[in-house]
């Protein structure tokens, strides 16, 4: 007896082909989504790493601002925050050569971010975008040389954080020439803001020490939707305010 073997009909083949194409499209879309998510994760990690590294460098120097080898002898304070000697008498000739100062270089740039701490303060607190500082790095009791006199600022036009070192304090200026890029510039990270907030904004605490709130914002150059804001509070441990 003759038995005929039947294959797929044209309709069945078309249905199978369409189903296969749908599965392939779904797999391809899923793969593309995973690749995009991985790329975004890598870009966000790089952005966070760049901003964290910048804060680490700036905060490290700010924490040491005002340090001198004999700092312990000149930082004693009374309850009003005034410098005193070992007998408790107010000192009027305190060595203030190791200082920290904050300035507003670009008023519009200084207001590009609004630190959360600004809402907490009971007084109007200005935002600064440039700090000048110095400290006794080699602990010889004197402050001199490019390793001990420096500054950090936000350059709004270049979208970068910049730093500068000077030979002596008389040369220190937020508007001086010769500033170099610390973050931003040619890197994958675009710095969109760096502000400094002093707390308290005016007056002195019982210890004479203030806190500086650093806020940095940035975005990835290849993906402007990836934006990040980091904030850090730094105690001015050797403040002679």
C-alpha atoms as a PDB file:
ATOM      1  CA  UNK A   1       0.000   0.000   0.000  1.00  0.00           C
ATOM      2  CA  UNK A   2       1.343   3.421  -0.922  1.00  0.00           C
ATOM      3  CA  UNK A   3       1.751   5.844   2.028  1.00  0.00           C
ATOM      4  CA  UNK A   4       2.370   9.541   1.309  1.00  0.00           C
ATOM      5  CA  UNK A   5       4.462  11.641   3.743  1.00  0.00           C
ATOM      6  CA  UNK A   6       3.056  15.115   4.194  1.00  0.00           C
ATOM      7  CA  UNK A   7       5.325  18.072   5.149  1.00  0.00           C
ATOM      8  CA  UNK A   8       4.457  21.513   6.496  1.00  0.00           C
ATOM      9  CA  UNK A   9       2.077  23.540   4.509  1.00  0.00           C
ATOM     10  CA  UNK A  10       2.999  27.015   3.350  1.00  0.00           C
ATOM     11  CA  UNK A  11       0.743  28.551   5.984  1.00  0.00           C
ATOM     12  CA  UNK A  12       2.357  26.487   8.742  1.00  0.00           C
ATOM     13  CA  UNK A  13       5.829  27.480   7.584  1.00  0.00           C
ATOM     14  CA  UNK A  14       4.867  31.157   7.559  1.00  0.00           C
ATOM     15  CA  UNK A  15       3.382  30.901  11.056  1.00  0.00           C
ATOM     16  CA  UNK A  16       6.529  29.163  12.333  1.00  0.00           C
ATOM     17  CA  UNK A  17       8.730  31.761  10.638  1.00  0.00           C
ATOM     18  CA  UNK A  18       6.784  34.655  12.175  1.00  0.00           C
ATOM     19  CA  UNK A  19       6.901  33.012  15.615  1.00  0.00           C
ATOM     20  CA  UNK A  20      10.637  32.487  15.273  1.00  0.00           C
ATOM     21  CA  UNK A  21      11.137  36.094  14.244  1.00  0.00           C
ATOM     22  CA  UNK A  22       9.127  37.302  17.244  1.00  0.00           C
ATOM     23  CA  UNK A  23      11.210  35.195  19.629  1.00  0.00           C
ATOM     24  CA  UNK A  24      14.440  36.411  17.983  1.00  0.00           C
ATOM     25  CA  UNK A  25      13.253  40.021  18.225  1.00  0.00           C
ATOM     26  CA  UNK A  26      12.390  39.604  21.905  1.00  0.00           C
ATOM     27  CA  UNK A  27      15.766  38.050  22.649  1.00  0.00           C
ATOM     28  CA  UNK A  28      17.548  40.799  20.715  1.00  0.00           C
ATOM     29  CA  UNK A  29      15.578  43.530  22.510  1.00  0.00           C
ATOM     30  CA  UNK A  30      16.346  41.936  25.883  1.00  0.00           C
ATOM     31  CA  UNK A  31      20.042  41.704  25.028  1.00  0.00           C
ATOM     32  CA  UNK A  32      20.111  45.336  23.882  1.00  0.00           C
ATOM     33  CA  UNK A  33      18.358  46.407  27.105  1.00  0.00           C
ATOM     34  CA  UNK A  34      20.900  44.519  29.210  1.00  0.00           C
ATOM     35  CA  UNK A  35      23.769  46.138  27.276  1.00  0.00           C
ATOM     36  CA  UNK A  36      22.251  49.610  27.733  1.00  0.00           C
ATOM     37  CA  UNK A  37      21.656  49.016  31.438  1.00  0.00           C
ATOM     38  CA  UNK A  38      25.215  47.795  31.876  1.00  0.00           C
ATOM     39  CA  UNK A  39      26.578  50.803  29.983  1.00  0.00           C
ATOM     40  CA  UNK A  40      24.485  53.174  32.102  1.00  0.00           C
ATOM     41  CA  UNK A  41      25.650  51.465  35.278  1.00  0.00           C
ATOM     42  CA  UNK A  42      29.287  51.821  34.217  1.00  0.00           C
ATOM     43  CA  UNK A  43      28.804  55.498  33.306  1.00  0.00           C
ATOM     44  CA  UNK A  44      27.066  56.229  36.624  1.00  0.00           C
ATOM     45  CA  UNK A  45      29.832  54.447  38.514  1.00  0.00           C
ATOM     46  CA  UNK A  46      32.476  56.500  36.680  1.00  0.00           C
ATOM     47  CA  UNK A  47      30.576  59.720  37.413  1.00  0.00           C
ATOM     48  CA  UNK A  48      30.275  58.862  41.104  1.00  0.00           C
ATOM     49  CA  UNK A  49      33.940  57.880  41.272  1.00  0.00           C
ATOM     50  CA  UNK A  50      35.083  61.140  39.654  1.00  0.00           C
ATOM     51  CA  UNK A  51      32.948  63.298  41.966  1.00  0.00           C
ATOM     52  CA  UNK A  52      33.985  61.331  45.065  1.00  0.00           C
ATOM     53  CA  UNK A  53      37.673  61.605  44.130  1.00  0.00           C
ATOM     54  CA  UNK A  54      37.340  65.362  43.645  1.00  0.00           C
ATOM     55  CA  UNK A  55      35.633  65.783  47.018  1.00  0.00           C
ATOM     56  CA  UNK A  56      38.307  63.651  48.691  1.00  0.00           C
ATOM     57  CA  UNK A  57      41.118  65.856  47.396  1.00  0.00           C
ATOM     58  CA  UNK A  58      39.439  69.153  48.272  1.00  0.00           C
ATOM     59  CA  UNK A  59      38.176  67.947  51.673  1.00  0.00           C
ATOM     60  CA  UNK A  60      41.583  66.568  52.634  1.00  0.00           C
ATOM     61  CA  UNK A  61      43.265  69.955  52.241  1.00  0.00           C
ATOM     62  CA  UNK A  62      40.382  71.858  53.834  1.00  0.00           C
ATOM     63  CA  UNK A  63      40.566  69.624  56.906  1.00  0.00           C
ATOM     64  CA  UNK A  64      44.211  70.613  57.331  1.00  0.00           C
ATOM     65  CA  UNK A  65      43.646  74.313  56.645  1.00  0.00           C
ATOM     66  CA  UNK A  66      45.206  76.501  59.307  1.00  0.00           C
ATOM     67  CA  UNK A  67      47.377  73.753  60.794  1.00  0.00           C
ATOM     68  CA  UNK A  68      50.704  74.765  62.261  1.00  0.00           C
ATOM     69  CA  UNK A  69      53.169  72.778  64.313  1.00  0.00           C
ATOM     70  CA  UNK A  70      52.296  74.936  67.352  1.00  0.00           C
ATOM     71  CA  UNK A  71      48.555  75.011  66.631  1.00  0.00           C
ATOM     72  CA  UNK A  72      47.628  73.475  69.991  1.00  0.00           C
ATOM     73  CA  UNK A  73      49.138  76.500  71.739  1.00  0.00           C
ATOM     74  CA  UNK A  74      47.131  79.098  69.846  1.00  0.00           C
ATOM     75  CA  UNK A  75      43.679  77.531  69.520  1.00  0.00           C
ATOM     76  CA  UNK A  76      42.467  77.643  73.132  1.00  0.00           C
ATOM     77  CA  UNK A  77      39.090  79.428  73.365  1.00  0.00           C
ATOM     78  CA  UNK A  78      36.737  80.737  76.004  1.00  0.00           C
ATOM     79  CA  UNK A  79      32.974  80.129  75.949  1.00  0.00           C
ATOM     80  CA  UNK A  80      32.526  83.157  73.680  1.00  0.00           C
ATOM     81  CA  UNK A  81      34.875  81.698  71.098  1.00  0.00           C
ATOM     82  CA  UNK A  82      37.671  84.212  71.814  1.00  0.00           C
ATOM     83  CA  UNK A  83      41.311  83.018  71.776  1.00  0.00           C
ATOM     84  CA  UNK A  84      42.838  82.811  75.260  1.00  0.00           C
ATOM     85  CA  UNK A  85      46.220  82.060  76.781  1.00  0.00           C
ATOM     86  CA  UNK A  86      47.041  79.424  79.412  1.00  0.00           C
ATOM     87  CA  UNK A  87      45.747  81.763  82.151  1.00  0.00           C
ATOM     88  CA  UNK A  88      42.415  82.316  80.422  1.00  0.00           C
ATOM     89  CA  UNK A  89      43.187  85.860  79.310  1.00  0.00           C
ATOM     90  CA  UNK A  90      41.903  86.928  75.889  1.00  0.00           C
ATOM     91  CA  UNK A  91      44.732  87.064  73.361  1.00  0.00           C
ATOM     92  CA  UNK A  92      44.739  89.931  70.857  1.00  0.00           C
ATOM     93  CA  UNK A  93      47.987  89.058  69.094  1.00  0.00           C
ATOM     94  CA  UNK A  94      46.997  85.597  67.868  1.00  0.00           C
ATOM     95  CA  UNK A  95      49.012  84.328  64.903  1.00  0.00           C
ATOM     96  CA  UNK A  96      46.470  84.241  62.112  1.00  0.00           C
ATOM     97  CA  UNK A  97      48.873  83.475  59.268  1.00  0.00           C
ATOM     98  CA  UNK A  98      47.411  79.993  58.780  1.00  0.00           C
ATOM     99  CA  UNK A  99      43.899  80.771  57.658  1.00  0.00           C
ATOM    100  CA  UNK A 100      40.995  79.646  55.554  1.00  0.00           C
ATOM    101  CA  UNK A 101      38.937  82.009  53.394  1.00  0.00           C
ATOM    102  CA  UNK A 102      35.943  81.560  51.086  1.00  0.00           C
ATOM    103  CA  UNK A 103      34.912  83.849  48.234  1.00  0.00           C
ATOM    104  CA  UNK A 104      32.220  84.220  45.595  1.00  0.00           C
ATOM    105  CA  UNK A 105      33.990  84.398  42.265  1.00  0.00           C
ATOM    106  CA  UNK A 106      30.897  84.000  40.080  1.00  0.00           C
ATOM    107  CA  UNK A 107      27.571  84.872  41.721  1.00  0.00           C
ATOM    108  CA  UNK A 108      25.551  82.938  39.147  1.00  0.00           C
ATOM    109  CA  UNK A 109      27.812  79.880  39.438  1.00  0.00           C
ATOM    110  CA  UNK A 110      27.619  79.938  43.222  1.00  0.00           C
ATOM    111  CA  UNK A 111      23.854  79.642  43.044  1.00  0.00           C
ATOM    112  CA  UNK A 112      23.669  76.742  40.590  1.00  0.00           C
ATOM    113  CA  UNK A 113      23.161  74.352  43.497  1.00  0.00           C
ATOM    114  CA  UNK A 114      21.184  74.665  46.713  1.00  0.00           C
ATOM    115  CA  UNK A 115      22.715  72.497  49.440  1.00  0.00           C
ATOM    116  CA  UNK A 116      20.189  70.799  51.691  1.00  0.00           C
ATOM    117  CA  UNK A 117      21.967  72.323  54.702  1.00  0.00           C
ATOM    118  CA  UNK A 118      21.093  75.811  53.477  1.00  0.00           C
ATOM    119  CA  UNK A 119      17.466  75.186  54.422  1.00  0.00           C
ATOM    120  CA  UNK A 120      18.503  74.127  57.934  1.00  0.00           C
ATOM    121  CA  UNK A 121      20.450  77.263  58.833  1.00  0.00           C
ATOM    122  CA  UNK A 122      18.594  79.954  60.749  1.00  0.00           C
ATOM    123  CA  UNK A 123      20.584  82.770  59.110  1.00  0.00           C
ATOM    124  CA  UNK A 124      21.074  83.729  55.501  1.00  0.00           C
ATOM    125  CA  UNK A 125      24.148  81.791  54.419  1.00  0.00           C
ATOM    126  CA  UNK A 126      25.977  82.802  51.236  1.00  0.00           C
ATOM    127  CA  UNK A 127      27.321  80.142  48.910  1.00  0.00           C
ATOM    128  CA  UNK A 128      30.925  80.426  47.813  1.00  0.00           C
ATOM    129  CA  UNK A 129      32.643  78.939  44.768  1.00  0.00           C
ATOM    130  CA  UNK A 130      36.304  79.588  45.656  1.00  0.00           C
ATOM    131  CA  UNK A 131      38.369  78.788  48.751  1.00  0.00           C
ATOM    132  CA  UNK A 132      41.913  79.824  49.612  1.00  0.00           C
ATOM    133  CA  UNK A 133      43.802  78.025  52.350  1.00  0.00           C
ATOM    134  CA  UNK A 134      47.205  77.212  53.748  1.00  0.00           C
ATOM    135  CA  UNK A 135      48.713  74.862  56.301  1.00  0.00           C
ATOM    136  CA  UNK A 136      52.048  73.742  57.686  1.00  0.00           C
ATOM    137  CA  UNK A 137      52.499  70.579  55.590  1.00  0.00           C
ATOM    138  CA  UNK A 138      56.082  69.845  56.692  1.00  0.00           C
ATOM    139  CA  UNK A 139      55.348  70.760  60.334  1.00  0.00           C
ATOM    140  CA  UNK A 140      58.265  73.168  60.653  1.00  0.00           C
ATOM    141  CA  UNK A 141      56.187  75.907  62.268  1.00  0.00           C
ATOM    142  CA  UNK A 142      56.129  78.099  59.150  1.00  0.00           C
ATOM    143  CA  UNK A 143      53.885  78.292  56.119  1.00  0.00           C
ATOM    144  CA  UNK A 144      55.666  78.860  52.822  1.00  0.00           C
ATOM    145  CA  UNK A 145      55.947  77.157  49.451  1.00  0.00           C
ATOM    146  CA  UNK A 146      53.586  75.705  46.870  1.00  0.00           C
ATOM    147  CA  UNK A 147      52.825  72.606  48.954  1.00  0.00           C
ATOM    148  CA  UNK A 148      51.404  74.723  51.767  1.00  0.00           C
ATOM    149  CA  UNK A 149      49.563  77.604  50.058  1.00  0.00           C
ATOM    150  CA  UNK A 150      46.718  76.669  47.714  1.00  0.00           C
ATOM    151  CA  UNK A 151      43.202  77.287  46.473  1.00  0.00           C
ATOM    152  CA  UNK A 152      40.233  75.524  44.848  1.00  0.00           C
ATOM    153  CA  UNK A 153      37.495  77.042  42.721  1.00  0.00           C
ATOM    154  CA  UNK A 154      34.669  76.204  40.313  1.00  0.00           C
ATOM    155  CA  UNK A 155      35.091  77.528  36.791  1.00  0.00           C
ATOM    156  CA  UNK A 156      31.595  78.007  35.423  1.00  0.00           C
ATOM    157  CA  UNK A 157      32.617  78.708  31.821  1.00  0.00           C
ATOM    158  CA  UNK A 158      34.893  75.652  31.610  1.00  0.00           C
ATOM    159  CA  UNK A 159      32.623  73.432  33.720  1.00  0.00           C
ATOM    160  CA  UNK A 160      35.494  72.169  35.861  1.00  0.00           C
ATOM    161  CA  UNK A 161      36.995  72.267  39.339  1.00  0.00           C
ATOM    162  CA  UNK A 162      40.357  74.018  39.371  1.00  0.00           C
ATOM    163  CA  UNK A 163      43.266  74.248  41.806  1.00  0.00           C
ATOM    164  CA  UNK A 164      46.236  76.572  42.270  1.00  0.00           C
ATOM    165  CA  UNK A 165      49.430  76.616  44.370  1.00  0.00           C
ATOM    166  CA  UNK A 166      51.426  79.693  45.297  1.00  0.00           C
ATOM    167  CA  UNK A 167      54.903  80.434  46.626  1.00  0.00           C
ATOM    168  CA  UNK A 168      53.606  82.880  49.241  1.00  0.00           C
ATOM    169  CA  UNK A 169      50.255  83.948  50.664  1.00  0.00           C
ATOM    170  CA  UNK A 170      50.527  87.438  49.135  1.00  0.00           C
ATOM    171  CA  UNK A 171      50.000  85.875  45.706  1.00  0.00           C
ATOM    172  CA  UNK A 172      46.814  84.021  46.683  1.00  0.00           C
ATOM    173  CA  UNK A 173      43.796  85.172  44.703  1.00  0.00           C
ATOM    174  CA  UNK A 174      40.682  83.566  43.257  1.00  0.00           C
ATOM    175  CA  UNK A 175      41.131  85.691  40.133  1.00  0.00           C
ATOM    176  CA  UNK A 176      44.835  84.990  39.620  1.00  0.00           C
ATOM    177  CA  UNK A 177      46.058  83.366  36.409  1.00  0.00           C
ATOM    178  CA  UNK A 178      47.558  79.892  36.273  1.00  0.00           C
ATOM    179  CA  UNK A 179      44.695  77.793  37.642  1.00  0.00           C
ATOM    180  CA  UNK A 180      44.730  74.150  36.508  1.00  0.00           C
ATOM    181  CA  UNK A 181      41.882  71.673  36.000  1.00  0.00           C
ATOM    182  CA  UNK A 182      41.362  69.159  38.795  1.00  0.00           C
ATOM    183  CA  UNK A 183      38.107  67.623  37.535  1.00  0.00           C
ATOM    184  CA  UNK A 184      36.083  68.131  34.386  1.00  0.00           C
ATOM    185  CA  UNK A 185      37.823  69.428  31.295  1.00  0.00           C
ATOM    186  CA  UNK A 186      38.778  66.501  29.066  1.00  0.00           C
ATOM    187  CA  UNK A 187      37.419  63.747  31.326  1.00  0.00           C
ATOM    188  CA  UNK A 188      34.101  61.940  30.852  1.00  0.00           C
ATOM    189  CA  UNK A 189      32.640  63.932  33.752  1.00  0.00           C
ATOM    190  CA  UNK A 190      31.227  67.417  33.319  1.00  0.00           C
ATOM    191  CA  UNK A 191      31.218  69.386  36.572  1.00  0.00           C
ATOM    192  CA  UNK A 192      28.063  71.497  36.750  1.00  0.00           C
ATOM    193  CA  UNK A 193      28.574  73.034  40.177  1.00  0.00           C
ATOM    194  CA  UNK A 194      30.815  73.243  43.251  1.00  0.00           C
ATOM    195  CA  UNK A 195      29.794  75.323  46.240  1.00  0.00           C
ATOM    196  CA  UNK A 196      31.108  75.903  49.746  1.00  0.00           C
ATOM    197  CA  UNK A 197      28.811  76.754  52.635  1.00  0.00           C
ATOM    198  CA  UNK A 198      30.144  77.929  56.006  1.00  0.00           C
ATOM    199  CA  UNK A 199      28.266  76.876  59.118  1.00  0.00           C
ATOM    200  CA  UNK A 200      27.847  79.032  61.092  1.00  0.00           C
ATOM    201  CA  UNK A 201      27.818  81.686  58.392  1.00  0.00           C
ATOM    202  CA  UNK A 202      28.889  84.365  60.858  1.00  0.00           C
ATOM    203  CA  UNK A 203      30.092  84.507  64.419  1.00  0.00           C
ATOM    204  CA  UNK A 204      32.062  81.829  66.227  1.00  0.00           C
ATOM    205  CA  UNK A 205      31.216  78.607  68.006  1.00  0.00           C
ATOM    206  CA  UNK A 206      32.348  77.761  71.541  1.00  0.00           C
ATOM    207  CA  UNK A 207      35.405  76.040  70.089  1.00  0.00           C
ATOM    208  CA  UNK A 208      35.988  78.631  67.385  1.00  0.00           C
ATOM    209  CA  UNK A 209      35.586  75.910  64.793  1.00  0.00           C
ATOM    210  CA  UNK A 210      33.214  76.064  61.864  1.00  0.00           C
ATOM    211  CA  UNK A 211      32.021  73.445  59.405  1.00  0.00           C
ATOM    212  CA  UNK A 212      32.261  73.717  55.651  1.00  0.00           C
ATOM    213  CA  UNK A 213      29.580  72.033  53.541  1.00  0.00           C
ATOM    214  CA  UNK A 214      30.905  70.992  50.140  1.00  0.00           C
ATOM    215  CA  UNK A 215      28.361  70.289  47.404  1.00  0.00           C
ATOM    216  CA  UNK A 216      29.426  69.082  43.973  1.00  0.00           C
ATOM    217  CA  UNK A 217      27.179  68.287  41.029  1.00  0.00           C
ATOM    218  CA  UNK A 218      28.068  66.711  37.715  1.00  0.00           C
ATOM    219  CA  UNK A 219      26.840  64.781  34.724  1.00  0.00           C
ATOM    220  CA  UNK A 220      28.277  62.304  32.238  1.00  0.00           C
ATOM    221  CA  UNK A 221      29.398  63.993  29.026  1.00  0.00           C
ATOM    222  CA  UNK A 222      28.055  61.217  26.788  1.00  0.00           C
ATOM    223  CA  UNK A 223      24.793  60.875  28.717  1.00  0.00           C
ATOM    224  CA  UNK A 224      23.504  64.164  30.097  1.00  0.00           C
ATOM    225  CA  UNK A 225      20.573  62.360  31.750  1.00  0.00           C
ATOM    226  CA  UNK A 226      23.024  60.833  34.210  1.00  0.00           C
ATOM    227  CA  UNK A 227      23.337  63.523  36.880  1.00  0.00           C
ATOM    228  CA  UNK A 228      24.638  63.243  40.421  1.00  0.00           C
ATOM    229  CA  UNK A 229      24.976  65.482  43.488  1.00  0.00           C
ATOM    230  CA  UNK A 230      27.301  64.662  46.354  1.00  0.00           C
ATOM    231  CA  UNK A 231      27.659  66.563  49.603  1.00  0.00           C
ATOM    232  CA  UNK A 232      30.169  66.406  52.421  1.00  0.00           C
ATOM    233  CA  UNK A 233      30.591  68.243  55.720  1.00  0.00           C
ATOM    234  CA  UNK A 234      34.161  69.093  56.697  1.00  0.00           C
ATOM    235  CA  UNK A 235      35.145  70.390  60.124  1.00  0.00           C
ATOM    236  CA  UNK A 236      37.692  73.205  59.992  1.00  0.00           C
ATOM    237  CA  UNK A 237      39.702  71.633  62.774  1.00  0.00           C
ATOM    238  CA  UNK A 238      42.302  74.412  63.031  1.00  0.00           C
ATOM    239  CA  UNK A 239      39.884  77.272  62.488  1.00  0.00           C
ATOM    240  CA  UNK A 240      41.111  80.553  63.947  1.00  0.00           C
ATOM    241  CA  UNK A 241      37.892  82.403  63.222  1.00  0.00           C
END
